């Protein structure tokens, strides 16, 4: 009987050991799933914070008519974390598609471009974006790119992103990087909003004087040209290059931080859109580290 009891005890211990091992294995196997679940939840929190920040900026800029300077630097606190908004006016940049040749020359001068002359740079941008294969003076068309074994070829359509600028024939990588902060593909009119523009770019505009640049940059409220005859005349003097109309497109740098301490950032371009229920449209959305186009 004692032998049977001993055998039963041993069997119980073996089964208990097997069960313990099974439970341990299940716990070990479940840990990655728990970690993944937590990471997934954190990702959702970060995504919601980012979308909330962009929605808040869109509401303030387009529905509440708050000026960009008042939104810039604003912190929005939410139960799941916080959002910091940085706002700039896209019309402060020269547009690769819509801006006239003189502004393209001006921005190349202002950026300190060295690999081409300002006139050649402007001509090659125009040749890239126009619909024909006729080379302008100092420009370059498809045949020129093929002859030089270029990586990119002009499609004879509008630039889809600023990134395409690096493929313009003869433009160095250094000049591309110098130009990047001053150019865009989202300035609808192609004209510069002086308050948001670099003074260096304004001063490169044909016949622009230091006094005129200062006066134009002093405008605080959109539409102020209608309240001041002198300012209106100044605006008309440079109306081929500048506009005092209210900005319609903005570039956002959105930085979010969750309650758990995670941080994330993105570059977003938004514009007014009356046909959209939310009152704005998103033109571009890029993670921080990759500039919005």
Protein backbone atom coordinates (compact mmCIF):
# COMPACT_ATOMS: atom_id res chain seq x y z
CA UNK A 1 0.00 0.00 0.00
CA UNK A 2 2.86 2.35 0.84
CA UNK A 3 4.39 1.64 -2.57
CA UNK A 4 1.06 2.59 -4.24
CA UNK A 5 0.88 5.75 -2.13
CA UNK A 6 4.43 6.64 -3.13
CA UNK A 7 3.60 6.06 -6.79
CA UNK A 8 0.49 8.23 -6.53
CA UNK A 9 2.48 10.98 -4.84
CA UNK A 10 5.13 10.81 -7.56
CA UNK A 11 2.45 10.94 -10.26
CA UNK A 12 0.87 13.99 -8.65
CA UNK A 13 4.26 15.72 -8.46
CA UNK A 14 5.00 14.90 -12.11
CA UNK A 15 1.62 16.19 -13.27
CA UNK A 16 1.98 19.28 -11.10
CA UNK A 17 5.42 19.90 -12.54
CA UNK A 18 4.11 19.51 -16.06
CA UNK A 19 1.25 21.90 -15.35
CA UNK A 20 3.65 24.43 -13.81
CA UNK A 21 5.91 24.20 -16.84
CA UNK A 22 2.90 24.61 -19.15
CA UNK A 23 1.71 27.65 -17.21
CA UNK A 24 5.21 29.17 -17.30
CA UNK A 25 5.42 28.57 -21.02
CA UNK A 26 2.03 30.21 -21.58
CA UNK A 27 3.10 33.21 -19.52
CA UNK A 28 6.33 33.55 -21.50
CA UNK A 29 4.45 33.22 -24.76
CA UNK A 30 1.88 35.81 -23.71
CA UNK A 31 4.43 38.48 -22.77
CA UNK A 32 5.27 39.50 -26.37
CA UNK A 33 1.57 39.70 -27.13
CA UNK A 34 1.05 41.95 -24.09
CA UNK A 35 3.95 44.15 -25.18
CA UNK A 36 2.62 44.32 -28.72
CA UNK A 37 -0.83 45.19 -27.42
CA UNK A 38 0.61 48.01 -25.34
CA UNK A 39 2.65 49.28 -28.29
CA UNK A 40 -0.43 49.16 -30.49
CA UNK A 41 -2.42 51.14 -27.94
CA UNK A 42 0.39 53.72 -27.71
CA UNK A 43 0.46 54.02 -31.49
CA UNK A 44 -3.27 54.74 -31.52
CA UNK A 45 -2.83 57.40 -28.83
CA UNK A 46 -0.04 59.10 -30.82
CA UNK A 47 -2.06 58.94 -34.03
CA UNK A 48 -5.11 60.43 -32.32
CA UNK A 49 -3.04 63.22 -30.78
CA UNK A 50 -1.52 64.07 -34.15
CA UNK A 51 -4.89 64.10 -35.92
CA UNK A 52 -6.40 66.18 -33.11
CA UNK A 53 -3.60 68.72 -33.45
CA UNK A 54 -4.08 69.09 -37.20
CA UNK A 55 -7.86 69.35 -36.75
CA UNK A 56 -7.41 72.04 -34.10
CA UNK A 57 -5.08 74.02 -36.37
CA UNK A 58 -7.52 73.74 -39.26
CA UNK A 59 -10.40 74.95 -37.10
CA UNK A 60 -8.46 77.90 -35.69
CA UNK A 61 -7.01 79.04 -39.03
CA UNK A 62 -9.97 78.52 -41.36
CA UNK A 63 -13.16 78.46 -39.29
CA UNK A 64 -12.31 80.66 -36.31
CA UNK A 65 -10.20 83.01 -38.49
CA UNK A 66 -7.39 83.18 -35.93
CA UNK A 67 -4.23 84.62 -37.50
CA UNK A 68 -1.27 82.30 -37.95
CA UNK A 69 0.93 84.25 -35.53
CA UNK A 70 -1.56 83.57 -32.72
CA UNK A 71 -1.70 79.85 -33.50
CA UNK A 72 2.06 79.48 -33.89
CA UNK A 73 3.61 78.04 -30.73
CA UNK A 74 0.25 77.20 -29.16
CA UNK A 75 0.07 74.15 -26.88
CA UNK A 76 -3.13 72.11 -26.77
CA UNK A 77 -3.58 69.83 -23.76
CA UNK A 78 -5.70 66.71 -24.06
CA UNK A 79 -6.44 63.86 -21.60
CA UNK A 80 -4.06 61.55 -23.49
CA UNK A 81 -1.23 64.06 -23.97
CA UNK A 82 -0.30 67.41 -25.45
CA UNK A 83 0.14 68.94 -28.91
CA UNK A 84 2.41 71.86 -29.88
CA UNK A 85 1.59 73.68 -33.12
CA UNK A 86 4.09 75.64 -35.21
CA UNK A 87 2.58 77.49 -38.17
CA UNK A 88 4.08 79.24 -41.20
CA UNK A 89 2.44 80.78 -44.26
CA UNK A 90 3.12 78.87 -47.46
CA UNK A 91 2.87 82.07 -49.52
CA UNK A 92 6.12 83.09 -47.86
CA UNK A 93 7.86 80.65 -50.21
CA UNK A 94 8.52 80.87 -53.95
CA UNK A 95 6.44 78.34 -55.89
CA UNK A 96 8.29 76.14 -58.39
CA UNK A 97 5.19 75.94 -60.59
CA UNK A 98 3.33 79.23 -60.23
CA UNK A 99 5.99 81.86 -59.48
CA UNK A 100 7.30 84.02 -62.34
CA UNK A 101 10.85 83.67 -63.63
CA UNK A 102 11.99 86.80 -61.78
CA UNK A 103 11.06 85.28 -58.41
CA UNK A 104 12.86 82.06 -59.30
CA UNK A 105 15.97 84.10 -60.01
CA UNK A 106 15.44 86.04 -56.77
CA UNK A 107 15.16 82.93 -54.61
CA UNK A 108 18.31 81.43 -56.12
CA UNK A 109 20.22 84.62 -55.31
CA UNK A 110 18.76 84.78 -51.81
CA UNK A 111 19.68 81.16 -51.09
CA UNK A 112 23.26 81.75 -52.18
CA UNK A 113 23.12 79.36 -55.13
CA UNK A 114 26.48 78.66 -56.77
CA UNK A 115 26.17 75.78 -59.22
CA UNK A 116 24.20 77.78 -61.82
CA UNK A 117 23.55 81.41 -62.62
CA UNK A 118 20.21 82.72 -61.30
CA UNK A 119 18.98 83.10 -64.89
CA UNK A 120 19.94 79.52 -65.82
CA UNK A 121 18.32 78.16 -62.67
CA UNK A 122 15.05 79.95 -63.46
CA UNK A 123 15.17 78.83 -67.10
CA UNK A 124 15.71 75.18 -66.16
CA UNK A 125 12.86 75.23 -63.65
CA UNK A 126 10.59 76.72 -66.33
CA UNK A 127 11.74 74.13 -68.91
CA UNK A 128 11.01 71.34 -66.40
CA UNK A 129 7.46 72.50 -65.73
CA UNK A 130 6.35 73.71 -69.20
CA UNK A 131 4.57 71.44 -71.67
CA UNK A 132 6.96 71.71 -74.62
CA UNK A 133 10.47 70.49 -75.48
CA UNK A 134 11.70 73.88 -76.63
CA UNK A 135 14.79 74.92 -74.68
CA UNK A 136 14.75 78.45 -73.27
CA UNK A 137 17.97 80.48 -73.10
CA UNK A 138 20.11 78.91 -70.39
CA UNK A 139 17.53 76.16 -69.87
CA UNK A 140 17.54 72.39 -70.41
CA UNK A 141 15.05 70.00 -71.98
CA UNK A 142 14.73 66.21 -72.15
CA UNK A 143 17.43 65.84 -74.85
CA UNK A 144 19.94 67.64 -72.62
CA UNK A 145 19.17 65.36 -69.69
CA UNK A 146 19.49 62.23 -71.86
CA UNK A 147 22.83 63.42 -73.21
CA UNK A 148 24.22 63.80 -69.70
CA UNK A 149 22.91 60.43 -68.38
CA UNK A 150 20.79 62.28 -65.81
CA UNK A 151 18.94 60.30 -63.12
CA UNK A 152 15.68 62.22 -63.53
CA UNK A 153 14.02 63.52 -66.69
CA UNK A 154 11.66 66.50 -66.98
CA UNK A 155 8.09 65.30 -67.47
CA UNK A 156 6.95 68.64 -68.91
CA UNK A 157 4.35 68.91 -66.17
CA UNK A 158 4.22 70.77 -62.89
CA UNK A 159 6.61 69.80 -60.11
CA UNK A 160 4.85 67.30 -57.87
CA UNK A 161 7.17 67.98 -54.94
CA UNK A 162 10.15 70.11 -53.98
CA UNK A 163 12.19 66.88 -53.97
CA UNK A 164 12.11 66.85 -57.78
CA UNK A 165 14.19 70.03 -57.78
CA UNK A 166 17.31 67.98 -57.00
CA UNK A 167 17.07 66.43 -60.49
CA UNK A 168 17.21 69.77 -62.34
CA UNK A 169 20.23 69.62 -64.63
CA UNK A 170 23.34 71.26 -63.23
CA UNK A 171 21.90 72.02 -59.79
CA UNK A 172 24.21 70.76 -57.05
CA UNK A 173 23.01 68.90 -53.97
CA UNK A 174 24.32 71.78 -51.86
CA UNK A 175 22.22 74.31 -53.75
CA UNK A 176 19.18 72.05 -53.52
CA UNK A 177 19.55 71.99 -49.74
CA UNK A 178 20.04 75.78 -49.66
CA UNK A 179 16.87 76.32 -51.69
CA UNK A 180 14.67 73.86 -49.81
CA UNK A 181 13.53 76.25 -47.02
CA UNK A 182 12.55 78.94 -49.56
CA UNK A 183 10.51 77.01 -52.15
CA UNK A 184 7.25 75.09 -52.32
CA UNK A 185 4.68 73.60 -54.70
CA UNK A 186 1.71 74.80 -52.61
CA UNK A 187 1.77 78.59 -53.06
CA UNK A 188 -1.29 78.81 -55.31
CA UNK A 189 -0.75 82.31 -56.72
CA UNK A 190 3.03 82.08 -56.91
CA UNK A 191 3.21 85.56 -55.36
CA UNK A 192 4.95 86.28 -52.05
CA UNK A 193 3.15 87.33 -48.88
CA UNK A 194 5.75 89.81 -47.60
CA UNK A 195 5.22 89.37 -43.86
CA UNK A 196 5.99 85.66 -44.17
CA UNK A 197 8.77 85.95 -46.73
CA UNK A 198 12.49 86.01 -46.18
CA UNK A 199 13.84 89.54 -46.36
CA UNK A 200 16.67 88.22 -48.52
CA UNK A 201 14.16 86.98 -51.10
CA UNK A 202 12.25 90.28 -51.08
CA UNK A 203 15.47 92.26 -51.54
CA UNK A 204 16.30 90.15 -54.62
CA UNK A 205 13.07 91.23 -56.34
CA UNK A 206 13.80 93.62 -59.23
CA UNK A 207 13.97 97.27 -58.08
CA UNK A 208 13.04 96.43 -54.49
CA UNK A 209 14.45 98.99 -52.05
CA UNK A 210 15.28 98.45 -48.41
CA UNK A 211 12.56 100.92 -47.37
CA UNK A 212 9.94 99.24 -49.55
CA UNK A 213 10.83 95.78 -48.20
CA UNK A 214 10.49 97.06 -44.63
CA UNK A 215 7.13 98.70 -45.38
CA UNK A 216 5.76 95.56 -47.03
CA UNK A 217 6.94 93.33 -44.20
CA UNK A 218 5.27 95.58 -41.64
CA UNK A 219 1.76 94.64 -42.79
CA UNK A 220 0.07 92.79 -39.94
CA UNK A 221 -3.50 92.28 -41.07
CA UNK A 222 -4.54 90.68 -44.37
CA UNK A 223 -6.22 93.22 -46.63
CA UNK A 224 -4.53 96.22 -44.99
CA UNK A 225 -3.67 97.59 -48.42
CA UNK A 226 -7.27 98.78 -48.67
CA UNK A 227 -6.87 101.00 -45.58
CA UNK A 228 -3.68 102.81 -46.53
CA UNK A 229 -3.23 104.56 -49.87
CA UNK A 230 0.56 104.58 -49.64
CA UNK A 231 0.68 100.89 -48.87
CA UNK A 232 -1.80 100.17 -51.65
CA UNK A 233 0.42 102.04 -54.10
CA UNK A 234 3.46 100.12 -52.86
CA UNK A 235 1.61 96.84 -53.33
CA UNK A 236 0.66 97.82 -56.87
CA UNK A 237 4.28 98.72 -57.67
CA UNK A 238 5.33 95.14 -56.98
CA UNK A 239 2.07 93.40 -57.87
CA UNK A 240 3.89 91.02 -60.25
CA UNK A 241 5.75 89.58 -57.28
CA UNK A 242 3.88 90.15 -53.98
CA UNK A 243 0.34 89.91 -52.62
CA UNK A 244 -1.29 91.27 -49.48
CA UNK A 245 -4.31 88.97 -49.75
CA UNK A 246 -5.08 86.74 -46.79
CA UNK A 247 -3.04 83.50 -46.84
CA UNK A 248 -4.92 80.34 -47.77
CA UNK A 249 -2.28 77.62 -47.29
CA UNK A 250 -0.26 76.88 -44.15
CA UNK A 251 2.63 74.61 -43.21
CA UNK A 252 2.34 72.98 -39.78
CA UNK A 253 5.05 71.45 -37.64
CA UNK A 254 3.09 69.35 -35.15
CA UNK A 255 4.81 67.90 -32.08
CA UNK A 256 2.86 65.52 -29.82
CA UNK A 257 3.67 63.98 -26.45
CA UNK A 258 1.58 61.27 -24.81
CA UNK A 259 1.00 60.88 -21.08
CA UNK A 260 3.28 57.84 -21.20
CA UNK A 261 6.14 60.06 -22.40
CA UNK A 262 6.29 59.09 -26.07
CA UNK A 263 6.91 61.92 -28.55
CA UNK A 264 6.35 62.23 -32.28
CA UNK A 265 6.36 65.02 -34.88
CA UNK A 266 5.13 65.61 -38.42
CA UNK A 267 5.16 68.26 -41.14
CA UNK A 268 1.68 68.94 -42.57
CA UNK A 269 0.44 71.30 -45.29
CA UNK A 270 -3.21 72.35 -45.02
CA UNK A 271 -5.35 74.70 -47.11
CA UNK A 272 -8.81 76.20 -47.04
CA UNK A 273 -11.47 74.10 -48.73
CA UNK A 274 -15.03 75.37 -48.71
CA UNK A 275 -16.29 72.15 -50.28
CA UNK A 276 -14.94 70.14 -47.33
CA UNK A 277 -17.18 69.71 -44.29
CA UNK A 278 -14.28 70.38 -41.95
CA UNK A 279 -13.35 73.57 -43.82
CA UNK A 280 -9.83 72.56 -44.83
CA UNK A 281 -7.91 70.00 -46.87
CA UNK A 282 -4.61 68.25 -46.15
CA UNK A 283 -2.16 68.64 -49.05
CA UNK A 284 0.78 66.80 -47.55
CA UNK A 285 1.68 64.89 -44.39
CA UNK A 286 5.24 63.75 -43.69
CA UNK A 287 6.94 62.40 -40.54
CA UNK A 288 9.51 64.69 -38.95
CA UNK A 289 12.87 64.11 -40.57
CA UNK A 290 11.30 64.09 -44.02
CA UNK A 291 10.30 67.60 -45.06
CA UNK A 292 6.79 68.12 -46.32
CA UNK A 293 6.85 68.55 -50.07
